[in-house]
Amino acid sequence: MWDPETQTYAGGVVPSRDAAASIDDLLAENGGRLRIFGYGSLCWHPGSEGVLSLAGRKTQQGEEGRPMVTTAPGRAVGYRRCWAQRSADHRGTPSFNGIVCTLLSDGEVRKLQGGDPADGKHPVSSTEGLIYTVDPSLANRCLSELDFREKGGYARDVIDVVEDGTGETVRALLYRGTPDNPAFWRRALLDMPLAAAVMS
């Protein structure tokens, strides 16, 4: 439930765009491991504590001697990074929101700009990021931590991403602010000088 005073989801409970079963399906596809696509701060600052901070640490071994959390460069094809999400908790306050990134599909961007969402005349976007793979023993803890971190209007979604090293397409969990969330700011997408002023 959205709390208008703090401008976050109450209790850090983030809604899912798909049925909750999609997370179960995602885990089942990956042998219980959780894949997450990070396209913004999860790339450069996953936190100094918590599950994702374990990425690459050789001292943290899971099943078969694998690291508990790994990362691989990857990309979301058909999605673009947009500065169109208001933030009262990461960059800003409830009385003066900052702006943070979200990931929108090409169709969502065209619709917001007044065009036809199905128009195939434009080039397909591609957003680079990191694909985290989390050991099954840490998957639920990781979901709880990310739900709390992304409580400022983001929702869970499951999308296809391409691993840069292998070219393999895999499904991954994505946290993104969609155009229908209470903190989405369409004007920032359409008025770049305003967005730049708020960001600075």
C-alpha atoms as a PDB file:
ATOM      1  CA  MET A   1       0.000   0.000   0.000  1.00  0.00           C
ATOM      2  CA  TRP A   2       1.322   3.422  -0.965  1.00  0.00           C
ATOM      3  CA  ASP A   3       1.968   5.817   1.953  1.00  0.00           C
ATOM      4  CA  PRO A   4       1.503   9.389   0.662  1.00  0.00           C
ATOM      5  CA  GLU A   5       3.273  10.876   3.689  1.00  0.00           C
ATOM      6  CA  THR A   6       6.567   9.027   3.258  1.00  0.00           C
ATOM      7  CA  GLN A   7       5.980   8.502  -0.487  1.00  0.00           C
ATOM      8  CA  THR A   8       6.999   4.845  -0.260  1.00  0.00           C
ATOM      9  CA  TYR A   9       5.239   1.494  -0.140  1.00  0.00           C
ATOM     10  CA  ALA A  10       4.335   0.881   3.508  1.00  0.00           C
ATOM     11  CA  GLY A  11       6.528  -1.693   5.205  1.00  0.00           C
ATOM     12  CA  GLY A  12       8.705  -2.022   2.108  1.00  0.00           C
ATOM     13  CA  VAL A  13       6.173  -4.294   0.403  1.00  0.00           C
ATOM     14  CA  VAL A  14       6.771  -3.896  -3.340  1.00  0.00           C
ATOM     15  CA  PRO A  15       4.000  -5.006  -5.727  1.00  0.00           C
ATOM     16  CA  SER A  16       4.615  -7.553  -8.484  1.00  0.00           C
ATOM     17  CA  ARG A  17       3.541  -6.723 -12.017  1.00  0.00           C
ATOM     18  CA  ASP A  18       3.056 -10.421 -12.705  1.00  0.00           C
ATOM     19  CA  ALA A  19       1.520 -13.009 -10.438  1.00  0.00           C
ATOM     20  CA  ALA A  20       3.620 -13.949  -7.423  1.00  0.00           C
ATOM     21  CA  ALA A  21       4.038 -17.331  -9.074  1.00  0.00           C
ATOM     22  CA  SER A  22       6.379 -15.715 -11.599  1.00  0.00           C
ATOM     23  CA  ILE A  23       9.073 -15.486  -8.900  1.00  0.00           C
ATOM     24  CA  ASP A  24       8.553 -19.165  -8.092  1.00  0.00           C
ATOM     25  CA  ASP A  25       8.785 -19.965 -11.815  1.00  0.00           C
ATOM     26  CA  LEU A  26      11.948 -17.888 -12.143  1.00  0.00           C
ATOM     27  CA  LEU A  27      13.573 -19.699  -9.213  1.00  0.00           C
ATOM     28  CA  ALA A  28      12.515 -23.098 -10.582  1.00  0.00           C
ATOM     29  CA  GLU A  29      14.010 -22.282 -14.016  1.00  0.00           C
ATOM     30  CA  ASN A  30      17.348 -21.482 -12.405  1.00  0.00           C
ATOM     31  CA  GLY A  31      17.647 -24.400  -9.975  1.00  0.00           C
ATOM     32  CA  GLY A  32      16.549 -22.199  -7.065  1.00  0.00           C
ATOM     33  CA  ARG A  33      19.047 -19.448  -7.889  1.00  0.00           C
ATOM     34  CA  LEU A  34      17.692 -15.913  -8.224  1.00  0.00           C
ATOM     35  CA  ARG A  35      18.749 -13.809 -11.206  1.00  0.00           C
ATOM     36  CA  ILE A  36      18.353 -10.043 -10.884  1.00  0.00           C
ATOM     37  CA  PHE A  37      19.033  -7.396 -13.544  1.00  0.00           C
ATOM     38  CA  GLY A  38      20.523  -4.177 -12.172  1.00  0.00           C
ATOM     39  CA  TYR A  39      20.619  -1.129 -14.442  1.00  0.00           C
ATOM     40  CA  GLY A  40      21.257   1.781 -12.054  1.00  0.00           C
ATOM     41  CA  SER A  41      22.606   1.934  -8.532  1.00  0.00           C
ATOM     42  CA  LEU A  42      22.689  -1.860  -8.258  1.00  0.00           C
ATOM     43  CA  CYS A  43      25.536  -1.717 -10.802  1.00  0.00           C
ATOM     44  CA  TRP A  44      27.764   0.666  -8.870  1.00  0.00           C
ATOM     45  CA  HIS A  45      26.445   0.535  -5.298  1.00  0.00           C
ATOM     46  CA  PRO A  46      24.601  -2.654  -4.329  1.00  0.00           C
ATOM     47  CA  GLY A  47      25.256  -1.771  -0.684  1.00  0.00           C
ATOM     48  CA  SER A  48      28.100  -2.512   1.678  1.00  0.00           C
ATOM     49  CA  GLU A  49      26.000  -5.027   3.603  1.00  0.00           C
ATOM     50  CA  GLY A  50      23.361  -7.472   2.522  1.00  0.00           C
ATOM     51  CA  VAL A  51      23.188 -10.262  -0.005  1.00  0.00           C
ATOM     52  CA  LEU A  52      24.311  -8.413  -3.140  1.00  0.00           C
ATOM     53  CA  SER A  53      27.393  -7.061  -1.369  1.00  0.00           C
ATOM     54  CA  LEU A  54      28.694 -10.661  -1.437  1.00  0.00           C
ATOM     55  CA  ALA A  55      29.174 -10.516  -5.231  1.00  0.00           C
ATOM     56  CA  GLY A  56      32.568 -11.881  -6.155  1.00  0.00           C
ATOM     57  CA  ARG A  57      33.717 -12.628  -2.600  1.00  0.00           C
ATOM     58  CA  LYS A  58      35.616 -15.892  -2.756  1.00  0.00           C
ATOM     59  CA  THR A  59      35.244 -16.477   0.976  1.00  0.00           C
ATOM     60  CA  GLN A  60      31.478 -16.883   0.599  1.00  0.00           C
ATOM     61  CA  GLN A  61      30.986 -20.295  -1.038  1.00  0.00           C
ATOM     62  CA  GLY A  62      27.659 -21.924  -1.831  1.00  0.00           C
ATOM     63  CA  GLU A  63      26.725 -25.212  -3.483  1.00  0.00           C
ATOM     64  CA  GLU A  64      29.563 -27.010  -5.280  1.00  0.00           C
ATOM     65  CA  GLY A  65      32.079 -24.382  -4.186  1.00  0.00           C
ATOM     66  CA  ARG A  66      30.505 -21.597  -6.284  1.00  0.00           C
ATOM     67  CA  PRO A  67      30.449 -18.040  -4.925  1.00  0.00           C
ATOM     68  CA  MET A  68      27.149 -17.236  -3.189  1.00  0.00           C
ATOM     69  CA  VAL A  69      26.554 -14.223  -5.465  1.00  0.00           C
ATOM     70  CA  THR A  70      28.026 -13.645  -8.916  1.00  0.00           C
ATOM     71  CA  THR A  71      27.655 -10.919 -11.512  1.00  0.00           C
ATOM     72  CA  ALA A  72      27.905 -10.889 -15.287  1.00  0.00           C
ATOM     73  CA  PRO A  73      27.514  -7.964 -17.686  1.00  0.00           C
ATOM     74  CA  GLY A  74      24.270  -8.105 -19.606  1.00  0.00           C
ATOM     75  CA  ARG A  75      21.639  -6.050 -21.371  1.00  0.00           C
ATOM     76  CA  ALA A  76      17.892  -5.601 -21.509  1.00  0.00           C
ATOM     77  CA  VAL A  77      16.872  -5.371 -25.174  1.00  0.00           C
ATOM     78  CA  GLY A  78      13.807  -3.231 -25.869  1.00  0.00           C
ATOM     79  CA  TYR A  79      14.202  -1.243 -22.641  1.00  0.00           C
ATOM     80  CA  ARG A  80      15.767   2.133 -21.956  1.00  0.00           C
ATOM     81  CA  ARG A  81      17.023   3.826 -18.796  1.00  0.00           C
ATOM     82  CA  CYS A  82      14.951   6.945 -18.019  1.00  0.00           C
ATOM     83  CA  TRP A  83      15.216   9.590 -15.315  1.00  0.00           C
ATOM     84  CA  ALA A  84      11.494   9.695 -14.601  1.00  0.00           C
ATOM     85  CA  GLN A  85      11.005   8.271 -11.107  1.00  0.00           C
ATOM     86  CA  ARG A  86      10.537  10.629  -8.152  1.00  0.00           C
ATOM     87  CA  SER A  87      12.401   9.658  -5.011  1.00  0.00           C
ATOM     88  CA  ALA A  88      11.706  10.682  -1.441  1.00  0.00           C
ATOM     89  CA  ASP A  89      14.092   8.156   0.103  1.00  0.00           C
ATOM     90  CA  HIS A  90      17.195   7.812  -2.113  1.00  0.00           C
ATOM     91  CA  ARG A  91      17.547  11.280  -3.632  1.00  0.00           C
ATOM     92  CA  GLY A  92      15.261  13.755  -2.027  1.00  0.00           C
ATOM     93  CA  THR A  93      12.747  14.060   0.753  1.00  0.00           C
ATOM     94  CA  PRO A  94       8.947  13.770   0.961  1.00  0.00           C
ATOM     95  CA  SER A  95       8.736  17.575   0.692  1.00  0.00           C
ATOM     96  CA  PHE A  96      11.229  17.832  -2.214  1.00  0.00           C
ATOM     97  CA  ASN A  97      11.606  14.729  -4.340  1.00  0.00           C
ATOM     98  CA  GLY A  98      14.720  13.956  -6.313  1.00  0.00           C
ATOM     99  CA  ILE A  99      14.769  11.945  -9.529  1.00  0.00           C
ATOM    100  CA  VAL A 100      16.173   8.440  -9.987  1.00  0.00           C
ATOM    101  CA  CYS A 101      16.368   6.016 -12.910  1.00  0.00           C
ATOM    102  CA  THR A 102      13.779   3.574 -14.026  1.00  0.00           C
ATOM    103  CA  LEU A 103      13.685   1.190 -16.957  1.00  0.00           C
ATOM    104  CA  LEU A 104      10.868   1.606 -19.479  1.00  0.00           C
ATOM    105  CA  SER A 105      10.043  -0.485 -22.515  1.00  0.00           C
ATOM    106  CA  ASP A 106      10.299   1.209 -25.893  1.00  0.00           C
ATOM    107  CA  GLY A 107       6.506   0.931 -26.208  1.00  0.00           C
ATOM    108  CA  GLU A 108       5.965   2.655 -22.841  1.00  0.00           C
ATOM    109  CA  VAL A 109       8.262   5.538 -23.840  1.00  0.00           C
ATOM    110  CA  ARG A 110       6.532   6.006 -27.216  1.00  0.00           C
ATOM    111  CA  LYS A 111       3.110   6.007 -25.526  1.00  0.00           C
ATOM    112  CA  LEU A 112       4.233   8.572 -22.920  1.00  0.00           C
ATOM    113  CA  GLN A 113       5.566  10.788 -25.701  1.00  0.00           C
ATOM    114  CA  GLY A 114       2.212  10.632 -27.496  1.00  0.00           C
ATOM    115  CA  GLY A 115       3.166   8.074 -30.129  1.00  0.00           C
ATOM    116  CA  ASP A 116       1.953   4.630 -31.055  1.00  0.00           C
ATOM    117  CA  PRO A 117       3.359   2.061 -28.579  1.00  0.00           C
ATOM    118  CA  ALA A 118       3.442  -0.580 -31.333  1.00  0.00           C
ATOM    119  CA  ASP A 119       5.272   1.645 -33.840  1.00  0.00           C
ATOM    120  CA  GLY A 120       8.203  -0.446 -35.092  1.00  0.00           C
ATOM    121  CA  LYS A 121       9.857   2.390 -37.052  1.00  0.00           C
ATOM    122  CA  HIS A 122      12.223   3.380 -34.258  1.00  0.00           C
ATOM    123  CA  PRO A 123      15.450   1.570 -33.350  1.00  0.00           C
ATOM    124  CA  VAL A 124      15.232  -0.967 -30.544  1.00  0.00           C
ATOM    125  CA  SER A 125      16.788   0.248 -27.286  1.00  0.00           C
ATOM    126  CA  SER A 126      19.289  -1.732 -25.263  1.00  0.00           C
ATOM    127  CA  THR A 127      20.299  -1.004 -21.678  1.00  0.00           C
ATOM    128  CA  GLU A 128      23.542  -2.365 -20.263  1.00  0.00           C
ATOM    129  CA  GLY A 129      23.655  -3.548 -16.670  1.00  0.00           C
ATOM    130  CA  LEU A 130      24.660  -6.392 -14.379  1.00  0.00           C
ATOM    131  CA  ILE A 131      22.998  -9.758 -13.998  1.00  0.00           C
ATOM    132  CA  TYR A 132      23.318 -10.969 -10.406  1.00  0.00           C
ATOM    133  CA  THR A 133      22.921 -14.675  -9.678  1.00  0.00           C
ATOM    134  CA  VAL A 134      22.118 -15.396  -6.031  1.00  0.00           C
ATOM    135  CA  ASP A 135      22.530 -18.786  -4.322  1.00  0.00           C
ATOM    136  CA  PRO A 136      19.220 -20.516  -3.398  1.00  0.00           C
ATOM    137  CA  SER A 137      20.041 -20.253   0.314  1.00  0.00           C
ATOM    138  CA  LEU A 138      20.030 -16.439   0.033  1.00  0.00           C
ATOM    139  CA  ALA A 139      17.208 -15.884  -2.487  1.00  0.00           C
ATOM    140  CA  ASN A 140      14.411 -15.032  -0.019  1.00  0.00           C
ATOM    141  CA  ARG A 141      16.659 -12.781   2.074  1.00  0.00           C
ATOM    142  CA  CYS A 142      17.756 -10.991  -1.108  1.00  0.00           C
ATOM    143  CA  LEU A 143      14.131 -10.432  -2.174  1.00  0.00           C
ATOM    144  CA  SER A 144      13.293  -8.935   1.244  1.00  0.00           C
ATOM    145  CA  GLU A 145      16.299  -6.612   1.112  1.00  0.00           C
ATOM    146  CA  LEU A 146      15.525  -5.447  -2.420  1.00  0.00           C
ATOM    147  CA  ASP A 147      11.818  -4.950  -1.656  1.00  0.00           C
ATOM    148  CA  PHE A 148      12.819  -2.614   1.175  1.00  0.00           C
ATOM    149  CA  ARG A 149      15.456  -0.829  -0.918  1.00  0.00           C
ATOM    150  CA  GLU A 150      13.078  -0.299  -3.853  1.00  0.00           C
ATOM    151  CA  LYS A 151       9.983   0.682  -1.848  1.00  0.00           C
ATOM    152  CA  GLY A 152       9.841   4.177  -3.415  1.00  0.00           C
ATOM    153  CA  GLY A 153       7.461   3.236  -6.223  1.00  0.00           C
ATOM    154  CA  TYR A 154       9.245   0.352  -7.892  1.00  0.00           C
ATOM    155  CA  ALA A 155       7.561  -2.942  -8.775  1.00  0.00           C
ATOM    156  CA  ARG A 156       8.898  -6.409  -9.466  1.00  0.00           C
ATOM    157  CA  ASP A 157       8.899  -7.529 -13.085  1.00  0.00           C
ATOM    158  CA  VAL A 158      10.472 -10.508 -14.862  1.00  0.00           C
ATOM    159  CA  ILE A 159      12.153  -9.826 -18.222  1.00  0.00           C
ATOM    160  CA  ASP A 160      14.518 -11.453 -20.695  1.00  0.00           C
ATOM    161  CA  VAL A 161      18.119 -10.214 -20.571  1.00  0.00           C
ATOM    162  CA  VAL A 162      21.131 -11.163 -22.677  1.00  0.00           C
ATOM    163  CA  GLU A 163      24.407 -12.183 -21.018  1.00  0.00           C
ATOM    164  CA  ASP A 164      27.178 -10.287 -22.823  1.00  0.00           C
ATOM    165  CA  GLY A 165      29.817 -13.006 -22.401  1.00  0.00           C
ATOM    166  CA  THR A 166      27.741 -15.904 -23.742  1.00  0.00           C
ATOM    167  CA  GLY A 167      25.000 -14.234 -25.802  1.00  0.00           C
ATOM    168  CA  GLU A 168      22.525 -16.430 -23.905  1.00  0.00           C
ATOM    169  CA  THR A 169      19.081 -15.006 -23.159  1.00  0.00           C
ATOM    170  CA  VAL A 170      17.965 -15.605 -19.570  1.00  0.00           C
ATOM    171  CA  ARG A 171      15.019 -14.447 -17.486  1.00  0.00           C
ATOM    172  CA  ALA A 172      15.749 -12.166 -14.556  1.00  0.00           C
ATOM    173  CA  LEU A 173      13.928 -10.209 -11.892  1.00  0.00           C
ATOM    174  CA  LEU A 174      13.791  -6.474 -12.513  1.00  0.00           C
ATOM    175  CA  TYR A 175      12.790  -3.689 -10.137  1.00  0.00           C
ATOM    176  CA  ARG A 176      11.446  -0.712 -12.064  1.00  0.00           C
ATOM    177  CA  GLY A 177       9.151   2.248 -11.707  1.00  0.00           C
ATOM    178  CA  THR A 178       6.372   1.788 -14.248  1.00  0.00           C
ATOM    179  CA  PRO A 179       4.256   4.651 -15.629  1.00  0.00           C
ATOM    180  CA  ASP A 180       1.307   3.612 -13.433  1.00  0.00           C
ATOM    181  CA  ASN A 181       3.143   3.894 -10.097  1.00  0.00           C
ATOM    182  CA  PRO A 182       2.468   6.848  -7.740  1.00  0.00           C
ATOM    183  CA  ALA A 183       6.045   8.190  -7.926  1.00  0.00           C
ATOM    184  CA  PHE A 184       6.400   8.137 -11.723  1.00  0.00           C
ATOM    185  CA  TRP A 185       6.953  11.622 -13.135  1.00  0.00           C
ATOM    186  CA  ARG A 186       6.042  11.820 -16.811  1.00  0.00           C
ATOM    187  CA  ARG A 187       7.009  15.494 -17.009  1.00  0.00           C
ATOM    188  CA  ALA A 188      10.658  14.669 -16.250  1.00  0.00           C
ATOM    189  CA  LEU A 189      10.696  12.412 -19.303  1.00  0.00           C
ATOM    190  CA  LEU A 190       9.278  15.156 -21.540  1.00  0.00           C
ATOM    191  CA  ASP A 191      11.004  18.242 -20.062  1.00  0.00           C
ATOM    192  CA  MET A 192      14.742  17.582 -19.967  1.00  0.00           C
ATOM    193  CA  PRO A 193      15.754  21.063 -18.636  1.00  0.00           C
ATOM    194  CA  LEU A 194      13.402  20.591 -15.668  1.00  0.00           C
ATOM    195  CA  ALA A 195      14.716  17.084 -15.026  1.00  0.00           C
ATOM    196  CA  ALA A 196      18.310  18.373 -15.155  1.00  0.00           C
ATOM    197  CA  ALA A 197      17.482  21.163 -12.690  1.00  0.00           C
ATOM    198  CA  VAL A 198      15.911  18.704 -10.218  1.00  0.00           C
ATOM    199  CA  MET A 199      18.826  16.271 -10.552  1.00  0.00           C
ATOM    200  CA  SER A 200      21.387  18.993  -9.853  1.00  0.00           C
END
